[in-house]
Amino acid sequence: MPKLNARILIVDDNKVNVELIRAQLRAFPYELDVAYDGEEALAKIVRHPPDLVLLDLMMPKVSGYEVCKTVKEDPRTQFIPVIIITALQELDDKLKAIELGADDFLVKPFNKIELTTRIRSLLKLKAMHDDLERTENILFSLAAALDAKDPYTRGHSERVARYATTLATAVGLPADEIEQIRRGALLHDIGKIGVRDAVLAKPGALTAEEMDHVKTHPVRGFEICSPCTSLQPCLGCIRHHHERFDGQGYPDALAADHIPVAGMITSIADAYDAMTSNRPYRQSLGPERALRVFTDELPKGQWNPQLLAIFLELLHRGQI
């Protein structure tokens, strides 16, 4: 459900139009704010993001088109619903606004019931997105807390995300896939919340039972994150970062191209950080020895050879 007292920003340089919209919304539990030009609107949106924007197109200083474009291109505000309210009736005007990311379009004079119904519908969608975002934030905070509670893993997921992003960029993946790999790498070890602390912090070699217990963490992480729809593109990193190119990995014993690219990239990044960090069972190998391990393993089949070759080149260039 939309939250009570949702904040709506009305953007129109015509004060008569502003007062008309205010009068039509006065009976509803909304907090109404006003901007009389695009420049003022953008300043208010940045300072105090509203839950929805009612936006005129033809305004001085900064047009409604530019306001809509700026709002929808900024990751901080891109999910704020924007309803265009304008006297322009040409199809090209409507198409341009939609291409810039507008969520709805009303032509003046508009029907009050239509306006309030569309506002209510978009606020409901916004509330659903906010709930998903809160769930995501909880999971990312949980993953960070899991890293931070152990001095040996503090910062591990952030480093893995950085290495994975660098590799994904070098491979030439699209920006949206790189972002999903970054997010998935941050969450790749969240399943370890279900692994016993005594096993995670054990200074010596693990028993077969303990190793089997540790190996449950990719599936645990997958089960934790899979109910969150927005994290679906990240699941390949979480479930498959311990698969091996030769099919000898876990949890699904996938081989070669059956392993998602996100999982293969995260696997290399994870292995590098594990080798160059202190762990309860050994000291850091250091970058040079880690590089030698990767080089020796290149023909043996643990990692995707093309991806590993690119990662080695990044190491040689000092980009990792």
C-alpha atoms as a PDB file:
ATOM      1  CA  MET A   1       0.000   0.000   0.000  1.00  0.00           C
ATOM      2  CA  PRO A   2       1.145   3.588  -0.657  1.00  0.00           C
ATOM      3  CA  LYS A   3       2.444   5.202   2.491  1.00  0.00           C
ATOM      4  CA  LEU A   4       0.312   7.807   4.224  1.00  0.00           C
ATOM      5  CA  ASN A   5       1.284  11.415   3.604  1.00  0.00           C
ATOM      6  CA  ALA A   6       3.178  10.557   0.437  1.00  0.00           C
ATOM      7  CA  ARG A   7       4.998  13.648  -0.760  1.00  0.00           C
ATOM      8  CA  ILE A   8       4.013  14.948  -4.213  1.00  0.00           C
ATOM      9  CA  LEU A   9       5.925  17.682  -5.999  1.00  0.00           C
ATOM     10  CA  ILE A  10       3.819  19.784  -8.406  1.00  0.00           C
ATOM     11  CA  VAL A  11       5.981  21.456 -11.070  1.00  0.00           C
ATOM     12  CA  ASP A  12       4.296  24.117 -13.214  1.00  0.00           C
ATOM     13  CA  ASP A  13       5.111  27.757 -13.973  1.00  0.00           C
ATOM     14  CA  ASN A  14       1.391  28.613 -14.098  1.00  0.00           C
ATOM     15  CA  LYS A  15       0.108  29.358 -10.593  1.00  0.00           C
ATOM     16  CA  VAL A  16      -3.510  28.834 -11.663  1.00  0.00           C
ATOM     17  CA  ASN A  17      -2.698  25.279 -12.781  1.00  0.00           C
ATOM     18  CA  VAL A  18      -0.840  24.641  -9.528  1.00  0.00           C
ATOM     19  CA  GLU A  19      -3.799  25.777  -7.425  1.00  0.00           C
ATOM     20  CA  LEU A  20      -6.178  23.651  -9.520  1.00  0.00           C
ATOM     21  CA  ILE A  21      -4.132  20.515  -8.862  1.00  0.00           C
ATOM     22  CA  ARG A  22      -3.818  21.413  -5.186  1.00  0.00           C
ATOM     23  CA  ALA A  23      -7.589  21.774  -4.916  1.00  0.00           C
ATOM     24  CA  GLN A  24      -8.156  18.384  -6.551  1.00  0.00           C
ATOM     25  CA  LEU A  25      -5.708  16.645  -4.216  1.00  0.00           C
ATOM     26  CA  ARG A  26      -6.596  18.470  -1.026  1.00  0.00           C
ATOM     27  CA  ALA A  27      -8.950  15.715   0.157  1.00  0.00           C
ATOM     28  CA  PHE A  28      -6.213  13.090  -0.037  1.00  0.00           C
ATOM     29  CA  PRO A  29      -3.515  12.357   2.579  1.00  0.00           C
ATOM     30  CA  TYR A  30      -0.688  13.783   0.505  1.00  0.00           C
ATOM     31  CA  GLU A  31       1.970  16.299   1.434  1.00  0.00           C
ATOM     32  CA  LEU A  32       2.031  18.752  -1.487  1.00  0.00           C
ATOM     33  CA  ASP A  33       5.056  20.798  -2.506  1.00  0.00           C
ATOM     34  CA  VAL A  34       5.440  23.170  -5.456  1.00  0.00           C
ATOM     35  CA  ALA A  35       8.144  24.301  -7.859  1.00  0.00           C
ATOM     36  CA  TYR A  36       7.437  27.013 -10.429  1.00  0.00           C
ATOM     37  CA  ASP A  37      10.258  26.185 -12.846  1.00  0.00           C
ATOM     38  CA  GLY A  38      12.482  23.254 -13.752  1.00  0.00           C
ATOM     39  CA  GLU A  39      15.533  24.596 -11.957  1.00  0.00           C
ATOM     40  CA  GLU A  40      13.660  24.906  -8.668  1.00  0.00           C
ATOM     41  CA  ALA A  41      12.145  21.450  -9.203  1.00  0.00           C
ATOM     42  CA  LEU A  42      15.531  19.754  -9.612  1.00  0.00           C
ATOM     43  CA  ALA A  43      16.910  21.493  -6.533  1.00  0.00           C
ATOM     44  CA  LYS A  44      13.956  20.269  -4.445  1.00  0.00           C
ATOM     45  CA  ILE A  45      14.124  16.737  -5.850  1.00  0.00           C
ATOM     46  CA  VAL A  46      17.800  16.441  -4.914  1.00  0.00           C
ATOM     47  CA  ARG A  47      17.365  18.041  -1.486  1.00  0.00           C
ATOM     48  CA  HIS A  48      14.239  16.154  -0.465  1.00  0.00           C
ATOM     49  CA  PRO A  49      13.196  13.470  -3.005  1.00  0.00           C
ATOM     50  CA  PRO A  50       9.405  13.304  -3.358  1.00  0.00           C
ATOM     51  CA  ASP A  51       7.370  10.128  -3.776  1.00  0.00           C
ATOM     52  CA  LEU A  52       5.896  11.363  -7.066  1.00  0.00           C
ATOM     53  CA  VAL A  53       6.290  14.320  -9.451  1.00  0.00           C
ATOM     54  CA  LEU A  54       3.487  16.013 -11.428  1.00  0.00           C
ATOM     55  CA  LEU A  55       5.426  17.753 -14.182  1.00  0.00           C
ATOM     56  CA  ASP A  56       4.536  20.359 -16.788  1.00  0.00           C
ATOM     57  CA  LEU A  57       6.661  20.294 -19.953  1.00  0.00           C
ATOM     58  CA  MET A  58       6.817  23.907 -21.098  1.00  0.00           C
ATOM     59  CA  MET A  59       8.629  25.908 -18.391  1.00  0.00           C
ATOM     60  CA  PRO A  60      11.294  28.613 -18.163  1.00  0.00           C
ATOM     61  CA  LYS A  61      14.973  27.980 -17.263  1.00  0.00           C
ATOM     62  CA  VAL A  62      14.824  24.178 -17.435  1.00  0.00           C
ATOM     63  CA  SER A  63      12.079  22.439 -19.417  1.00  0.00           C
ATOM     64  CA  GLY A  64       9.992  19.546 -18.141  1.00  0.00           C
ATOM     65  CA  TYR A  65      11.761  17.318 -20.651  1.00  0.00           C
ATOM     66  CA  GLU A  66      15.122  18.111 -19.039  1.00  0.00           C
ATOM     67  CA  VAL A  67      13.718  17.638 -15.541  1.00  0.00           C
ATOM     68  CA  CYS A  68      12.337  14.222 -16.474  1.00  0.00           C
ATOM     69  CA  LYS A  69      15.585  13.194 -18.165  1.00  0.00           C
ATOM     70  CA  THR A  70      17.693  14.267 -15.182  1.00  0.00           C
ATOM     71  CA  VAL A  71      15.451  12.504 -12.662  1.00  0.00           C
ATOM     72  CA  LYS A  72      15.377   9.248 -14.610  1.00  0.00           C
ATOM     73  CA  GLU A  73      19.124   9.168 -15.313  1.00  0.00           C
ATOM     74  CA  ASP A  74      20.122   9.684 -11.672  1.00  0.00           C
ATOM     75  CA  PRO A  75      20.302   6.349  -9.757  1.00  0.00           C
ATOM     76  CA  ARG A  76      19.219   8.206  -6.604  1.00  0.00           C
ATOM     77  CA  THR A  77      15.936   9.387  -8.135  1.00  0.00           C
ATOM     78  CA  GLN A  78      15.247   7.166 -11.144  1.00  0.00           C
ATOM     79  CA  PHE A  79      12.436   5.260  -9.440  1.00  0.00           C
ATOM     80  CA  ILE A  80      10.433   8.378  -8.510  1.00  0.00           C
ATOM     81  CA  PRO A  81       7.254   8.221 -10.638  1.00  0.00           C
ATOM     82  CA  VAL A  82       6.833  11.167 -13.003  1.00  0.00           C
ATOM     83  CA  ILE A  83       3.412  12.061 -14.439  1.00  0.00           C
ATOM     84  CA  ILE A  84       3.559  14.565 -17.270  1.00  0.00           C
ATOM     85  CA  ILE A  85       0.658  17.045 -17.180  1.00  0.00           C
ATOM     86  CA  THR A  86       0.646  19.334 -20.201  1.00  0.00           C
ATOM     87  CA  ALA A  87      -1.505  21.202 -22.712  1.00  0.00           C
ATOM     88  CA  LEU A  88       0.590  19.736 -25.551  1.00  0.00           C
ATOM     89  CA  GLN A  89      -1.444  17.192 -27.484  1.00  0.00           C
ATOM     90  CA  GLU A  90       0.909  16.170 -30.281  1.00  0.00           C
ATOM     91  CA  LEU A  91       1.876  12.490 -30.324  1.00  0.00           C
ATOM     92  CA  ASP A  92       5.561  13.425 -30.722  1.00  0.00           C
ATOM     93  CA  ASP A  93       5.464  15.327 -27.424  1.00  0.00           C
ATOM     94  CA  LYS A  94       4.027  12.325 -25.626  1.00  0.00           C
ATOM     95  CA  LEU A  95       6.515   9.921 -27.221  1.00  0.00           C
ATOM     96  CA  LYS A  96       9.453  12.172 -26.327  1.00  0.00           C
ATOM     97  CA  ALA A  97       8.355  12.325 -22.675  1.00  0.00           C
ATOM     98  CA  ILE A  98       7.923   8.552 -22.523  1.00  0.00           C
ATOM     99  CA  GLU A  99      11.331   7.988 -24.123  1.00  0.00           C
ATOM    100  CA  LEU A 100      12.855  10.160 -21.399  1.00  0.00           C
ATOM    101  CA  GLY A 101      11.326   7.875 -18.762  1.00  0.00           C
ATOM    102  CA  ALA A 102       7.980   9.490 -17.864  1.00  0.00           C
ATOM    103  CA  ASP A 103       5.689   6.994 -16.132  1.00  0.00           C
ATOM    104  CA  ASP A 104       2.387   8.498 -17.289  1.00  0.00           C
ATOM    105  CA  PHE A 105       0.994  11.341 -19.375  1.00  0.00           C
ATOM    106  CA  LEU A 106      -2.126  13.495 -18.913  1.00  0.00           C
ATOM    107  CA  VAL A 107      -3.352  16.215 -21.242  1.00  0.00           C
ATOM    108  CA  LYS A 108      -4.951  19.349 -19.829  1.00  0.00           C
ATOM    109  CA  PRO A 109      -7.786  19.693 -19.032  1.00  0.00           C
ATOM    110  CA  PHE A 110      -7.728  16.362 -17.214  1.00  0.00           C
ATOM    111  CA  ASN A 111     -10.327  14.494 -15.215  1.00  0.00           C
ATOM    112  CA  LYS A 112      -9.886  14.610 -11.431  1.00  0.00           C
ATOM    113  CA  ILE A 113     -10.748  10.937 -10.982  1.00  0.00           C
ATOM    114  CA  GLU A 114      -8.255   9.948 -13.685  1.00  0.00           C
ATOM    115  CA  LEU A 115      -5.539  12.057 -12.051  1.00  0.00           C
ATOM    116  CA  THR A 116      -6.056  10.680  -8.553  1.00  0.00           C
ATOM    117  CA  THR A 117      -6.361   7.092  -9.814  1.00  0.00           C
ATOM    118  CA  ARG A 118      -3.065   7.319 -11.699  1.00  0.00           C
ATOM    119  CA  ILE A 119      -1.357   8.924  -8.714  1.00  0.00           C
ATOM    120  CA  ARG A 120      -2.605   6.178  -6.408  1.00  0.00           C
ATOM    121  CA  SER A 121      -1.487   3.447  -8.821  1.00  0.00           C
ATOM    122  CA  LEU A 122       2.035   4.855  -9.235  1.00  0.00           C
ATOM    123  CA  LEU A 123       2.435   5.465  -5.507  1.00  0.00           C
ATOM    124  CA  LYS A 124       1.541   1.818  -4.920  1.00  0.00           C
ATOM    125  CA  LEU A 125       4.281   0.749  -7.354  1.00  0.00           C
ATOM    126  CA  LYS A 126       6.716   3.134  -5.671  1.00  0.00           C
ATOM    127  CA  ALA A 127       5.869   1.635  -2.272  1.00  0.00           C
ATOM    128  CA  MET A 128       6.527  -1.866  -3.611  1.00  0.00           C
ATOM    129  CA  HIS A 129       9.903  -0.744  -4.971  1.00  0.00           C
ATOM    130  CA  ASP A 130      10.763   0.899  -1.640  1.00  0.00           C
ATOM    131  CA  ASP A 131       9.959  -2.372   0.152  1.00  0.00           C
ATOM    132  CA  LEU A 132      12.271  -4.263  -2.223  1.00  0.00           C
ATOM    133  CA  GLU A 133      14.981  -1.669  -1.712  1.00  0.00           C
ATOM    134  CA  ARG A 134      14.696  -2.008   2.062  1.00  0.00           C
ATOM    135  CA  THR A 135      14.974  -5.790   1.741  1.00  0.00           C
ATOM    136  CA  GLU A 136      18.057  -5.407  -0.459  1.00  0.00           C
ATOM    137  CA  ASN A 137      19.639  -2.973   1.981  1.00  0.00           C
ATOM    138  CA  ILE A 138      19.096  -5.427   4.829  1.00  0.00           C
ATOM    139  CA  LEU A 139      20.799  -8.205   2.840  1.00  0.00           C
ATOM    140  CA  PHE A 140      23.759  -6.022   1.846  1.00  0.00           C
ATOM    141  CA  SER A 141      24.120  -4.849   5.457  1.00  0.00           C
ATOM    142  CA  LEU A 142      23.969  -8.451   6.625  1.00  0.00           C
ATOM    143  CA  ALA A 143      26.700  -9.449   4.163  1.00  0.00           C
ATOM    144  CA  ALA A 144      28.909  -6.564   5.297  1.00  0.00           C
ATOM    145  CA  ALA A 145      28.333  -7.440   8.965  1.00  0.00           C
ATOM    146  CA  LEU A 146      29.248 -11.063   8.245  1.00  0.00           C
ATOM    147  CA  ASP A 147      32.570  -9.936   6.758  1.00  0.00           C
ATOM    148  CA  ALA A 148      33.254  -7.430   9.527  1.00  0.00           C
ATOM    149  CA  LYS A 149      32.782  -9.784  12.472  1.00  0.00           C
ATOM    150  CA  ASP A 150      35.899 -11.764  11.473  1.00  0.00           C
ATOM    151  CA  PRO A 151      39.230  -9.889  11.161  1.00  0.00           C
ATOM    152  CA  TYR A 152      40.294 -12.387   8.497  1.00  0.00           C
ATOM    153  CA  THR A 153      37.385 -11.590   6.177  1.00  0.00           C
ATOM    154  CA  ARG A 154      36.884  -7.883   6.897  1.00  0.00           C
ATOM    155  CA  GLY A 155      36.463  -6.145   3.532  1.00  0.00           C
ATOM    156  CA  HIS A 156      36.552  -9.439   1.603  1.00  0.00           C
ATOM    157  CA  SER A 157      33.267  -9.013  -0.270  1.00  0.00           C
ATOM    158  CA  GLU A 158      34.021  -5.400  -1.180  1.00  0.00           C
ATOM    159  CA  ARG A 159      37.395  -6.411  -2.609  1.00  0.00           C
ATOM    160  CA  VAL A 160      35.873  -9.323  -4.511  1.00  0.00           C
ATOM    161  CA  ALA A 161      33.262  -6.939  -5.933  1.00  0.00           C
ATOM    162  CA  ARG A 162      36.007  -4.532  -7.011  1.00  0.00           C
ATOM    163  CA  TYR A 163      38.100  -7.255  -8.684  1.00  0.00           C
ATOM    164  CA  ALA A 164      35.029  -8.790 -10.351  1.00  0.00           C
ATOM    165  CA  THR A 165      33.890  -5.403 -11.658  1.00  0.00           C
ATOM    166  CA  THR A 166      37.350  -4.699 -13.080  1.00  0.00           C
ATOM    167  CA  LEU A 167      37.416  -8.090 -14.823  1.00  0.00           C
ATOM    168  CA  ALA A 168      33.842  -7.747 -16.128  1.00  0.00           C
ATOM    169  CA  THR A 169      34.720  -4.319 -17.527  1.00  0.00           C
ATOM    170  CA  ALA A 170      37.854  -5.651 -19.225  1.00  0.00           C
ATOM    171  CA  VAL A 171      35.811  -8.465 -20.765  1.00  0.00           C
ATOM    172  CA  GLY A 172      33.514  -5.841 -22.273  1.00  0.00           C
ATOM    173  CA  LEU A 173      30.246  -6.787 -20.610  1.00  0.00           C
ATOM    174  CA  PRO A 174      27.372  -4.262 -20.753  1.00  0.00           C
ATOM    175  CA  ALA A 175      27.129  -1.750 -17.910  1.00  0.00           C
ATOM    176  CA  ASP A 176      23.962  -3.294 -16.464  1.00  0.00           C
ATOM    177  CA  GLU A 177      25.577  -6.754 -16.282  1.00  0.00           C
ATOM    178  CA  ILE A 178      28.680  -5.288 -14.644  1.00  0.00           C
ATOM    179  CA  GLU A 179      26.482  -3.672 -11.997  1.00  0.00           C
ATOM    180  CA  GLN A 180      24.671  -6.965 -11.318  1.00  0.00           C
ATOM    181  CA  ILE A 181      28.036  -8.747 -10.970  1.00  0.00           C
ATOM    182  CA  ARG A 182      29.168  -6.073  -8.519  1.00  0.00           C
ATOM    183  CA  ARG A 183      26.024  -6.569  -6.441  1.00  0.00           C
ATOM    184  CA  GLY A 184      26.230 -10.354  -6.662  1.00  0.00           C
ATOM    185  CA  ALA A 185      29.885 -10.329  -5.614  1.00  0.00           C
ATOM    186  CA  LEU A 186      29.011  -8.239  -2.564  1.00  0.00           C
ATOM    187  CA  LEU A 187      26.506 -10.943  -1.589  1.00  0.00           C
ATOM    188  CA  HIS A 188      28.445 -14.013  -2.748  1.00  0.00           C
ATOM    189  CA  ASP A 189      29.279 -15.241   0.775  1.00  0.00           C
ATOM    190  CA  ILE A 190      26.033 -14.277   2.527  1.00  0.00           C
ATOM    191  CA  GLY A 191      25.184 -17.973   2.854  1.00  0.00           C
ATOM    192  CA  LYS A 192      28.017 -18.295   5.391  1.00  0.00           C
ATOM    193  CA  ILE A 193      25.610 -16.857   7.937  1.00  0.00           C
ATOM    194  CA  GLY A 194      24.370 -20.455   8.156  1.00  0.00           C
ATOM    195  CA  VAL A 195      27.849 -21.940   8.625  1.00  0.00           C
ATOM    196  CA  ARG A 196      29.086 -22.576  12.149  1.00  0.00           C
ATOM    197  CA  ASP A 197      31.506 -19.915  13.424  1.00  0.00           C
ATOM    198  CA  ALA A 198      33.806 -22.587  14.843  1.00  0.00           C
ATOM    199  CA  VAL A 199      34.241 -24.015  11.358  1.00  0.00           C
ATOM    200  CA  LEU A 200      34.756 -20.656   9.650  1.00  0.00           C
ATOM    201  CA  ALA A 201      37.379 -19.609  12.193  1.00  0.00           C
ATOM    202  CA  LYS A 202      39.123 -22.981  12.567  1.00  0.00           C
ATOM    203  CA  PRO A 203      42.902 -22.466  12.389  1.00  0.00           C
ATOM    204  CA  GLY A 204      43.743 -25.910  11.067  1.00  0.00           C
ATOM    205  CA  ALA A 205      42.590 -28.179   8.265  1.00  0.00           C
ATOM    206  CA  LEU A 206      38.877 -28.933   8.092  1.00  0.00           C
ATOM    207  CA  THR A 207      37.504 -32.443   8.482  1.00  0.00           C
ATOM    208  CA  ALA A 208      35.465 -33.934   5.624  1.00  0.00           C
ATOM    209  CA  GLU A 209      32.264 -33.190   7.557  1.00  0.00           C
ATOM    210  CA  GLU A 210      33.329 -29.607   8.197  1.00  0.00           C
ATOM    211  CA  MET A 211      34.236 -29.097   4.536  1.00  0.00           C
ATOM    212  CA  ASP A 212      30.844 -30.434   3.461  1.00  0.00           C
ATOM    213  CA  HIS A 213      29.255 -28.006   5.913  1.00  0.00           C
ATOM    214  CA  VAL A 214      31.178 -25.043   4.440  1.00  0.00           C
ATOM    215  CA  LYS A 215      30.211 -26.131   0.929  1.00  0.00           C
ATOM    216  CA  THR A 216      26.543 -25.506   1.745  1.00  0.00           C
ATOM    217  CA  HIS A 217      27.046 -21.729   1.753  1.00  0.00           C
ATOM    218  CA  PRO A 218      26.416 -21.063  -1.975  1.00  0.00           C
ATOM    219  CA  VAL A 219      23.033 -22.787  -1.809  1.00  0.00           C
ATOM    220  CA  ARG A 220      22.210 -21.108   1.507  1.00  0.00           C
ATOM    221  CA  GLY A 221      23.029 -17.739  -0.046  1.00  0.00           C
ATOM    222  CA  PHE A 222      20.942 -18.555  -3.113  1.00  0.00           C
ATOM    223  CA  GLU A 223      17.981 -19.458  -0.901  1.00  0.00           C
ATOM    224  CA  ILE A 224      18.346 -16.256   1.123  1.00  0.00           C
ATOM    225  CA  CYS A 225      18.457 -13.969  -1.933  1.00  0.00           C
ATOM    226  CA  SER A 226      16.232 -15.729  -4.475  1.00  0.00           C
ATOM    227  CA  PRO A 227      12.902 -14.506  -2.987  1.00  0.00           C
ATOM    228  CA  CYS A 228      14.003 -10.926  -3.769  1.00  0.00           C
ATOM    229  CA  THR A 229      12.965 -10.362  -7.391  1.00  0.00           C
ATOM    230  CA  SER A 230      15.414  -7.521  -7.950  1.00  0.00           C
ATOM    231  CA  LEU A 231      18.338  -9.799  -7.000  1.00  0.00           C
ATOM    232  CA  GLN A 232      17.534 -12.476  -9.605  1.00  0.00           C
ATOM    233  CA  PRO A 233      20.325 -11.272 -11.952  1.00  0.00           C
ATOM    234  CA  CYS A 234      22.810 -11.599  -9.062  1.00  0.00           C
ATOM    235  CA  LEU A 235      22.091 -15.244  -8.252  1.00  0.00           C
ATOM    236  CA  GLY A 236      24.709 -16.611 -10.671  1.00  0.00           C
ATOM    237  CA  CYS A 237      27.451 -14.994  -8.578  1.00  0.00           C
ATOM    238  CA  ILE A 238      26.003 -16.291  -5.329  1.00  0.00           C
ATOM    239  CA  ARG A 239      25.259 -19.901  -6.265  1.00  0.00           C
ATOM    240  CA  HIS A 240      28.059 -20.605  -8.727  1.00  0.00           C
ATOM    241  CA  HIS A 241      31.222 -18.890  -7.448  1.00  0.00           C
ATOM    242  CA  HIS A 242      32.651 -22.279  -6.398  1.00  0.00           C
ATOM    243  CA  GLU A 243      31.939 -24.134  -9.638  1.00  0.00           C
ATOM    244  CA  ARG A 244      34.997 -25.251 -11.620  1.00  0.00           C
ATOM    245  CA  PHE A 245      35.473 -25.042 -15.361  1.00  0.00           C
ATOM    246  CA  ASP A 246      36.335 -28.781 -15.381  1.00  0.00           C
ATOM    247  CA  GLY A 247      33.040 -29.663 -13.666  1.00  0.00           C
ATOM    248  CA  GLN A 248      34.627 -30.638 -10.325  1.00  0.00           C
ATOM    249  CA  GLY A 249      33.205 -27.724  -8.337  1.00  0.00           C
ATOM    250  CA  TYR A 250      30.083 -27.270  -6.226  1.00  0.00           C
ATOM    251  CA  PRO A 251      27.157 -27.081  -5.570  1.00  0.00           C
ATOM    252  CA  ASP A 252      25.933 -28.195  -9.024  1.00  0.00           C
ATOM    253  CA  ALA A 253      29.111 -29.585 -10.664  1.00  0.00           C
ATOM    254  CA  LEU A 254      28.530 -27.390 -13.698  1.00  0.00           C
ATOM    255  CA  ALA A 255      31.233 -27.330 -16.349  1.00  0.00           C
ATOM    256  CA  ALA A 256      32.538 -24.922 -18.997  1.00  0.00           C
ATOM    257  CA  ASP A 257      29.890 -22.682 -20.545  1.00  0.00           C
ATOM    258  CA  HIS A 258      27.146 -24.150 -18.360  1.00  0.00           C
ATOM    259  CA  ILE A 259      28.535 -21.975 -15.559  1.00  0.00           C
ATOM    260  CA  PRO A 260      27.093 -18.450 -15.694  1.00  0.00           C
ATOM    261  CA  VAL A 261      29.694 -15.861 -16.699  1.00  0.00           C
ATOM    262  CA  ALA A 262      28.910 -13.942 -13.496  1.00  0.00           C
ATOM    263  CA  GLY A 263      29.795 -17.032 -11.454  1.00  0.00           C
ATOM    264  CA  MET A 264      33.058 -17.616 -13.325  1.00  0.00           C
ATOM    265  CA  ILE A 265      34.128 -13.993 -12.901  1.00  0.00           C
ATOM    266  CA  THR A 266      33.270 -13.994  -9.197  1.00  0.00           C
ATOM    267  CA  SER A 267      35.147 -17.286  -8.737  1.00  0.00           C
ATOM    268  CA  ILE A 268      38.398 -15.762 -10.034  1.00  0.00           C
ATOM    269  CA  ALA A 269      37.965 -12.582  -7.974  1.00  0.00           C
ATOM    270  CA  ASP A 270      37.127 -14.614  -4.857  1.00  0.00           C
ATOM    271  CA  ALA A 271      40.123 -16.916  -5.296  1.00  0.00           C
ATOM    272  CA  TYR A 272      42.515 -14.003  -5.764  1.00  0.00           C
ATOM    273  CA  ASP A 273      41.332 -12.244  -2.623  1.00  0.00           C
ATOM    274  CA  ALA A 274      41.457 -15.490  -0.637  1.00  0.00           C
ATOM    275  CA  MET A 275      45.064 -16.054  -1.724  1.00  0.00           C
ATOM    276  CA  THR A 276      46.170 -12.485  -0.956  1.00  0.00           C
ATOM    277  CA  SER A 277      44.478 -12.234   2.455  1.00  0.00           C
ATOM    278  CA  ASN A 278      45.412 -13.692   5.815  1.00  0.00           C
ATOM    279  CA  ARG A 279      43.193 -16.590   6.814  1.00  0.00           C
ATOM    280  CA  PRO A 280      42.964 -18.596  10.068  1.00  0.00           C
ATOM    281  CA  TYR A 281      44.702 -21.543   8.407  1.00  0.00           C
ATOM    282  CA  ARG A 282      47.518 -19.614   6.627  1.00  0.00           C
ATOM    283  CA  GLN A 283      49.130 -16.249   5.959  1.00  0.00           C
ATOM    284  CA  SER A 284      48.580 -14.308   2.752  1.00  0.00           C
ATOM    285  CA  LEU A 285      50.446 -15.682  -0.242  1.00  0.00           C
ATOM    286  CA  GLY A 286      50.941 -12.166  -1.598  1.00  0.00           C
ATOM    287  CA  PRO A 287      50.181 -10.938  -5.141  1.00  0.00           C
ATOM    288  CA  GLU A 288      53.261 -12.473  -6.776  1.00  0.00           C
ATOM    289  CA  ARG A 289      52.646 -15.996  -5.476  1.00  0.00           C
ATOM    290  CA  ALA A 290      48.933 -15.682  -6.243  1.00  0.00           C
ATOM    291  CA  LEU A 291      49.845 -14.778  -9.808  1.00  0.00           C
ATOM    292  CA  ARG A 292      52.073 -17.869 -10.033  1.00  0.00           C
ATOM    293  CA  VAL A 293      49.253 -20.068  -8.697  1.00  0.00           C
ATOM    294  CA  PHE A 294      46.902 -18.703 -11.343  1.00  0.00           C
ATOM    295  CA  THR A 295      49.519 -19.154 -14.066  1.00  0.00           C
ATOM    296  CA  ASP A 296      50.196 -22.760 -13.008  1.00  0.00           C
ATOM    297  CA  GLU A 297      46.453 -23.509 -12.872  1.00  0.00           C
ATOM    298  CA  LEU A 298      45.706 -21.959 -16.259  1.00  0.00           C
ATOM    299  CA  PRO A 299      45.977 -25.250 -18.191  1.00  0.00           C
ATOM    300  CA  LYS A 300      44.515 -27.408 -15.413  1.00  0.00           C
ATOM    301  CA  GLY A 301      40.855 -26.447 -15.693  1.00  0.00           C
ATOM    302  CA  GLN A 302      39.764 -24.824 -12.440  1.00  0.00           C
ATOM    303  CA  TRP A 303      38.897 -21.471 -13.998  1.00  0.00           C
ATOM    304  CA  ASN A 304      37.656 -20.341 -17.391  1.00  0.00           C
ATOM    305  CA  PRO A 305      40.947 -19.999 -19.351  1.00  0.00           C
ATOM    306  CA  GLN A 306      39.872 -16.925 -21.352  1.00  0.00           C
ATOM    307  CA  LEU A 307      38.661 -15.048 -18.286  1.00  0.00           C
ATOM    308  CA  LEU A 308      41.708 -16.064 -16.260  1.00  0.00           C
ATOM    309  CA  ALA A 309      44.055 -14.917 -19.043  1.00  0.00           C
ATOM    310  CA  ILE A 310      42.398 -11.489 -18.994  1.00  0.00           C
ATOM    311  CA  PHE A 311      42.643 -11.361 -15.190  1.00  0.00           C
ATOM    312  CA  LEU A 312      46.356 -12.248 -15.356  1.00  0.00           C
ATOM    313  CA  GLU A 313      46.884  -9.449 -17.859  1.00  0.00           C
ATOM    314  CA  LEU A 314      45.151  -7.035 -15.471  1.00  0.00           C
ATOM    315  CA  LEU A 315      47.471  -8.228 -12.687  1.00  0.00           C
ATOM    316  CA  HIS A 316      50.548  -7.719 -14.869  1.00  0.00           C
ATOM    317  CA  ARG A 317      49.391  -4.183 -15.677  1.00  0.00           C
ATOM    318  CA  GLY A 318      48.794  -3.397 -12.001  1.00  0.00           C
ATOM    319  CA  GLN A 319      45.084  -2.791 -12.586  1.00  0.00           C
ATOM    320  CA  ILE A 320      44.029  -5.232  -9.858  1.00  0.00           C
END
